Amino acid sequence: MTTLSPAAQSVLDAYYTEADRLDREVSHEEMLAAALRAAADGCDPDWLALTVLHHLHSITNELETL
C-alpha cells in the first residue's frame, strides 16, 4: 500500500471515521465534509490563498492515486 503524507492520511482517516465519531450512520456528503474539514484544518491560516489551494490539490492528487 502507498504511504501517504500526514495531511492526506488525516483527510482519509476523517472520511472513514466520521460515522464512528458521530456514533450513527452518516451520508457520503457528511463523510466528504469531514474530509474537507480535515484538509482545511491542516492549512496554516497565515498561508496565502494560492498556497492553500496547492495544499488541497496535493492531497487530492495523492488520494486519486489510491
C-alpha atoms as a PDB file:
ATOM      1  CA  MET A   1       0.000   0.000   0.000  1.00  0.00           C
ATOM      2  CA  THR A   2       1.141   3.530  -0.753  1.00  0.00           C
ATOM      3  CA  THR A   3       2.381   5.610   2.167  1.00  0.00           C
ATOM      4  CA  LEU A   4       0.529   8.925   2.283  1.00  0.00           C
ATOM      5  CA  SER A   5       1.672  12.249   3.608  1.00  0.00           C
ATOM      6  CA  PRO A   6       0.334  13.095   7.078  1.00  0.00           C
ATOM      7  CA  ALA A   7      -2.062  15.637   5.528  1.00  0.00           C
ATOM      8  CA  ALA A   8      -3.534  13.170   3.039  1.00  0.00           C
ATOM      9  CA  GLN A   9      -3.758  10.447   5.693  1.00  0.00           C
ATOM     10  CA  SER A  10      -5.676  12.749   8.045  1.00  0.00           C
ATOM     11  CA  VAL A  11      -8.179  13.529   5.279  1.00  0.00           C
ATOM     12  CA  LEU A  12      -8.668   9.848   4.509  1.00  0.00           C
ATOM     13  CA  ASP A  13      -8.978   8.987   8.213  1.00  0.00           C
ATOM     14  CA  ALA A  14     -11.563  11.724   8.738  1.00  0.00           C
ATOM     15  CA  TYR A  15     -13.619  10.427   5.824  1.00  0.00           C
ATOM     16  CA  TYR A  16     -13.699   6.856   7.076  1.00  0.00           C
ATOM     17  CA  THR A  17     -14.167   7.583  10.792  1.00  0.00           C
ATOM     18  CA  GLU A  18     -16.976  10.136  10.663  1.00  0.00           C
ATOM     19  CA  ALA A  19     -19.638   7.502  11.433  1.00  0.00           C
ATOM     20  CA  ASP A  20     -17.653   6.350  14.478  1.00  0.00           C
ATOM     21  CA  ARG A  21     -17.223   9.926  15.670  1.00  0.00           C
ATOM     22  CA  LEU A  22     -20.951  10.636  15.427  1.00  0.00           C
ATOM     23  CA  ASP A  23     -21.946   7.095  16.517  1.00  0.00           C
ATOM     24  CA  ARG A  24     -24.584   6.818  13.791  1.00  0.00           C
ATOM     25  CA  GLU A  25     -24.986   6.162  10.079  1.00  0.00           C
ATOM     26  CA  VAL A  26     -23.692   9.083   8.046  1.00  0.00           C
ATOM     27  CA  SER A  27     -24.169  10.111   4.441  1.00  0.00           C
ATOM     28  CA  HIS A  28     -21.401  10.313   1.881  1.00  0.00           C
ATOM     29  CA  GLU A  29     -21.852  14.075   1.998  1.00  0.00           C
ATOM     30  CA  GLU A  30     -21.129  14.121   5.739  1.00  0.00           C
ATOM     31  CA  MET A  31     -18.075  11.947   5.209  1.00  0.00           C
ATOM     32  CA  LEU A  32     -16.844  14.241   2.449  1.00  0.00           C
ATOM     33  CA  ALA A  33     -17.461  17.295   4.646  1.00  0.00           C
ATOM     34  CA  ALA A  34     -15.371  15.698   7.405  1.00  0.00           C
ATOM     35  CA  ALA A  35     -12.578  15.065   4.919  1.00  0.00           C
ATOM     36  CA  LEU A  36     -12.680  18.640   3.633  1.00  0.00           C
ATOM     37  CA  ARG A  37     -12.671  19.957   7.194  1.00  0.00           C
ATOM     38  CA  ALA A  38      -9.573  17.859   7.950  1.00  0.00           C
ATOM     39  CA  ALA A  39      -7.877  19.273   4.857  1.00  0.00           C
ATOM     40  CA  ALA A  40      -8.763  22.826   5.870  1.00  0.00           C
ATOM     41  CA  ASP A  41      -7.628  22.205   9.450  1.00  0.00           C
ATOM     42  CA  GLY A  42      -4.268  21.116   8.082  1.00  0.00           C
ATOM     43  CA  CYS A  43      -3.728  24.503   6.465  1.00  0.00           C
ATOM     44  CA  ASP A  44      -1.789  27.243   8.185  1.00  0.00           C
ATOM     45  CA  PRO A  45      -4.175  30.230   8.459  1.00  0.00           C
ATOM     46  CA  ASP A  46      -1.319  32.578   7.604  1.00  0.00           C
ATOM     47  CA  TRP A  47      -0.739  30.963   4.223  1.00  0.00           C
ATOM     48  CA  LEU A  48      -1.733  32.827   1.102  1.00  0.00           C
ATOM     49  CA  ALA A  49      -4.774  31.512  -0.771  1.00  0.00           C
ATOM     50  CA  LEU A  50      -2.626  30.024  -3.542  1.00  0.00           C
ATOM     51  CA  THR A  51      -0.601  28.049  -1.013  1.00  0.00           C
ATOM     52  CA  VAL A  52      -3.804  26.655   0.482  1.00  0.00           C
ATOM     53  CA  LEU A  53      -5.029  25.680  -2.977  1.00  0.00           C
ATOM     54  CA  HIS A  54      -1.707  23.976  -3.657  1.00  0.00           C
ATOM     55  CA  HIS A  55      -2.041  22.087  -0.353  1.00  0.00           C
ATOM     56  CA  LEU A  56      -5.552  20.883  -1.228  1.00  0.00           C
ATOM     57  CA  HIS A  57      -4.526  19.903  -4.758  1.00  0.00           C
ATOM     58  CA  SER A  58      -1.573  17.934  -3.393  1.00  0.00           C
ATOM     59  CA  ILE A  59      -3.869  15.973  -1.080  1.00  0.00           C
ATOM     60  CA  THR A  60      -6.340  15.375  -3.897  1.00  0.00           C
ATOM     61  CA  ASN A  61      -3.593  14.131  -6.214  1.00  0.00           C
ATOM     62  CA  GLU A  62      -2.373  11.673  -3.575  1.00  0.00           C
ATOM     63  CA  LEU A  63      -5.843  10.331  -2.844  1.00  0.00           C
ATOM     64  CA  GLU A  64      -6.664   9.901  -6.532  1.00  0.00           C
ATOM     65  CA  THR A  65      -3.723   7.540  -6.924  1.00  0.00           C
ATOM     66  CA  LEU A  66      -5.097   5.093  -4.349  1.00  0.00           C
END
